[in-house]
Amino acid sequence: MTVAEMSSTEARNHFAEVVGRAQHAGITTAITSYGRRVAAVVPVEVLDLLEELEDRGLSRMAREAKAEPGKTVDHAALLAEFAQR
């Protein structure tokens, strides 16, 4: 995966170019503030993969919780546990 870095000011000034590189060239742009990465513009395929992995993780956790005898876990508790990982 190709990753470029640029400041938030540069990203703002070249937003269409940053989006175009993600869309057409598959380049992720890490946006920095004071030298620290704070956000990213990623190709939609990367976002789709992240969402799929999150769904798989939630499904696995739900199956594991359901398999524990005598113990129930409500949806909010399950999400809170997942968020801690």
C-alpha atoms as a PDB file:
ATOM      1  CA  MET A   1       0.000   0.000   0.000  1.00  0.00           C
ATOM      2  CA  THR A   2       1.327   3.402  -0.947  1.00  0.00           C
ATOM      3  CA  VAL A   3       1.033   6.084   1.721  1.00  0.00           C
ATOM      4  CA  ALA A   4       1.820   9.755   1.253  1.00  0.00           C
ATOM      5  CA  GLU A   5       1.884  12.291   4.072  1.00  0.00           C
ATOM      6  CA  MET A   6       0.940  15.944   3.988  1.00  0.00           C
ATOM      7  CA  SER A   7      -0.025  18.626   6.430  1.00  0.00           C
ATOM      8  CA  SER A   8      -3.656  19.519   6.957  1.00  0.00           C
ATOM      9  CA  THR A   9      -2.995  22.853   5.234  1.00  0.00           C
ATOM     10  CA  GLU A  10      -1.562  21.115   2.156  1.00  0.00           C
ATOM     11  CA  ALA A  11      -4.437  18.621   2.151  1.00  0.00           C
ATOM     12  CA  ARG A  12      -6.967  21.437   2.275  1.00  0.00           C
ATOM     13  CA  ASN A  13      -5.238  23.295  -0.556  1.00  0.00           C
ATOM     14  CA  HIS A  14      -4.991  20.162  -2.714  1.00  0.00           C
ATOM     15  CA  PHE A  15      -8.133  18.316  -1.632  1.00  0.00           C
ATOM     16  CA  ALA A  16      -9.311  17.350  -5.133  1.00  0.00           C
ATOM     17  CA  GLU A  17      -5.852  15.982  -5.930  1.00  0.00           C
ATOM     18  CA  VAL A  18      -5.730  13.976  -2.673  1.00  0.00           C
ATOM     19  CA  VAL A  19      -9.149  12.459  -3.381  1.00  0.00           C
ATOM     20  CA  GLY A  20      -8.192  11.754  -6.986  1.00  0.00           C
ATOM     21  CA  ARG A  21      -5.044   9.891  -5.917  1.00  0.00           C
ATOM     22  CA  ALA A  22      -7.093   7.744  -3.536  1.00  0.00           C
ATOM     23  CA  GLN A  23      -9.769   7.087  -6.140  1.00  0.00           C
ATOM     24  CA  HIS A  24      -7.647   6.499  -9.228  1.00  0.00           C
ATOM     25  CA  ALA A  25      -4.192   5.473  -7.999  1.00  0.00           C
ATOM     26  CA  GLY A  26      -5.084   3.731  -4.719  1.00  0.00           C
ATOM     27  CA  ILE A  27      -2.841   6.059  -2.702  1.00  0.00           C
ATOM     28  CA  THR A  28      -3.620   6.673   0.960  1.00  0.00           C
ATOM     29  CA  THR A  29      -2.776  10.155   2.221  1.00  0.00           C
ATOM     30  CA  ALA A  30      -2.000  10.503   5.921  1.00  0.00           C
ATOM     31  CA  ILE A  31      -2.861  14.020   7.041  1.00  0.00           C
ATOM     32  CA  THR A  32      -0.653  15.504   9.717  1.00  0.00           C
ATOM     33  CA  SER A  33      -1.000  18.279  12.248  1.00  0.00           C
ATOM     34  CA  TYR A  34       2.220  19.519  13.804  1.00  0.00           C
ATOM     35  CA  GLY A  35       3.986  16.461  12.386  1.00  0.00           C
ATOM     36  CA  ARG A  36       1.590  13.935  13.927  1.00  0.00           C
ATOM     37  CA  ARG A  37      -0.797  11.809  11.871  1.00  0.00           C
ATOM     38  CA  VAL A  38      -4.382  12.793  12.675  1.00  0.00           C
ATOM     39  CA  ALA A  39      -6.488  11.553   9.747  1.00  0.00           C
ATOM     40  CA  ALA A  40      -6.299   9.824   6.395  1.00  0.00           C
ATOM     41  CA  VAL A  41      -7.919   9.853   2.979  1.00  0.00           C
ATOM     42  CA  VAL A  42      -8.049   6.239   1.842  1.00  0.00           C
ATOM     43  CA  PRO A  43      -9.299   4.426  -1.245  1.00  0.00           C
ATOM     44  CA  VAL A  44     -12.860   3.212  -0.716  1.00  0.00           C
ATOM     45  CA  GLU A  45     -11.640  -0.400  -0.939  1.00  0.00           C
ATOM     46  CA  VAL A  46      -9.632   0.166   2.237  1.00  0.00           C
ATOM     47  CA  LEU A  47     -12.692   1.523   4.020  1.00  0.00           C
ATOM     48  CA  ASP A  48     -14.768  -1.428   2.794  1.00  0.00           C
ATOM     49  CA  LEU A  49     -12.153  -3.852   4.147  1.00  0.00           C
ATOM     50  CA  LEU A  50     -12.030  -2.099   7.527  1.00  0.00           C
ATOM     51  CA  GLU A  51     -15.821  -2.266   7.810  1.00  0.00           C
ATOM     52  CA  GLU A  52     -15.812  -5.954   6.873  1.00  0.00           C
ATOM     53  CA  LEU A  53     -13.131  -6.731   9.462  1.00  0.00           C
ATOM     54  CA  GLU A  54     -15.081  -4.845  12.122  1.00  0.00           C
ATOM     55  CA  ASP A  55     -18.245  -6.794  11.235  1.00  0.00           C
ATOM     56  CA  ARG A  56     -16.341 -10.092  11.427  1.00  0.00           C
ATOM     57  CA  GLY A  57     -14.894  -9.163  14.802  1.00  0.00           C
ATOM     58  CA  LEU A  58     -18.305  -8.213  16.181  1.00  0.00           C
ATOM     59  CA  SER A  59     -19.824 -11.425  14.853  1.00  0.00           C
ATOM     60  CA  ARG A  60     -17.048 -13.509  16.432  1.00  0.00           C
ATOM     61  CA  MET A  61     -17.499 -11.764  19.763  1.00  0.00           C
ATOM     62  CA  ALA A  62     -21.264 -12.303  19.633  1.00  0.00           C
ATOM     63  CA  ARG A  63     -20.820 -16.026  18.886  1.00  0.00           C
ATOM     64  CA  GLU A  64     -18.327 -16.387  21.731  1.00  0.00           C
ATOM     65  CA  ALA A  65     -20.602 -14.570  24.174  1.00  0.00           C
ATOM     66  CA  LYS A  66     -23.600 -16.609  23.097  1.00  0.00           C
ATOM     67  CA  ALA A  67     -21.659 -19.865  23.554  1.00  0.00           C
ATOM     68  CA  GLU A  68     -20.847 -19.107  27.195  1.00  0.00           C
ATOM     69  CA  PRO A  69     -23.261 -21.125  29.334  1.00  0.00           C
ATOM     70  CA  GLY A  70     -25.577 -19.179  31.607  1.00  0.00           C
ATOM     71  CA  LYS A  71     -24.197 -15.819  30.637  1.00  0.00           C
ATOM     72  CA  THR A  72     -25.902 -13.233  28.462  1.00  0.00           C
ATOM     73  CA  VAL A  73     -24.389 -10.069  27.045  1.00  0.00           C
ATOM     74  CA  ASP A  74     -26.473  -7.181  25.835  1.00  0.00           C
ATOM     75  CA  HIS A  75     -25.613  -5.394  22.619  1.00  0.00           C
ATOM     76  CA  ALA A  76     -24.311  -2.233  24.312  1.00  0.00           C
ATOM     77  CA  ALA A  77     -21.926  -4.229  26.522  1.00  0.00           C
ATOM     78  CA  LEU A  78     -20.661  -6.172  23.528  1.00  0.00           C
ATOM     79  CA  LEU A  79     -19.962  -2.968  21.597  1.00  0.00           C
ATOM     80  CA  ALA A  80     -18.246  -1.431  24.625  1.00  0.00           C
ATOM     81  CA  GLU A  81     -15.989  -4.478  24.964  1.00  0.00           C
ATOM     82  CA  PHE A  82     -15.130  -4.350  21.268  1.00  0.00           C
ATOM     83  CA  ALA A  83     -14.304  -0.646  21.480  1.00  0.00           C
ATOM     84  CA  GLN A  84     -11.743  -1.367  24.224  1.00  0.00           C
ATOM     85  CA  ARG A  85      -9.732  -3.700  21.991  1.00  0.00           C
END
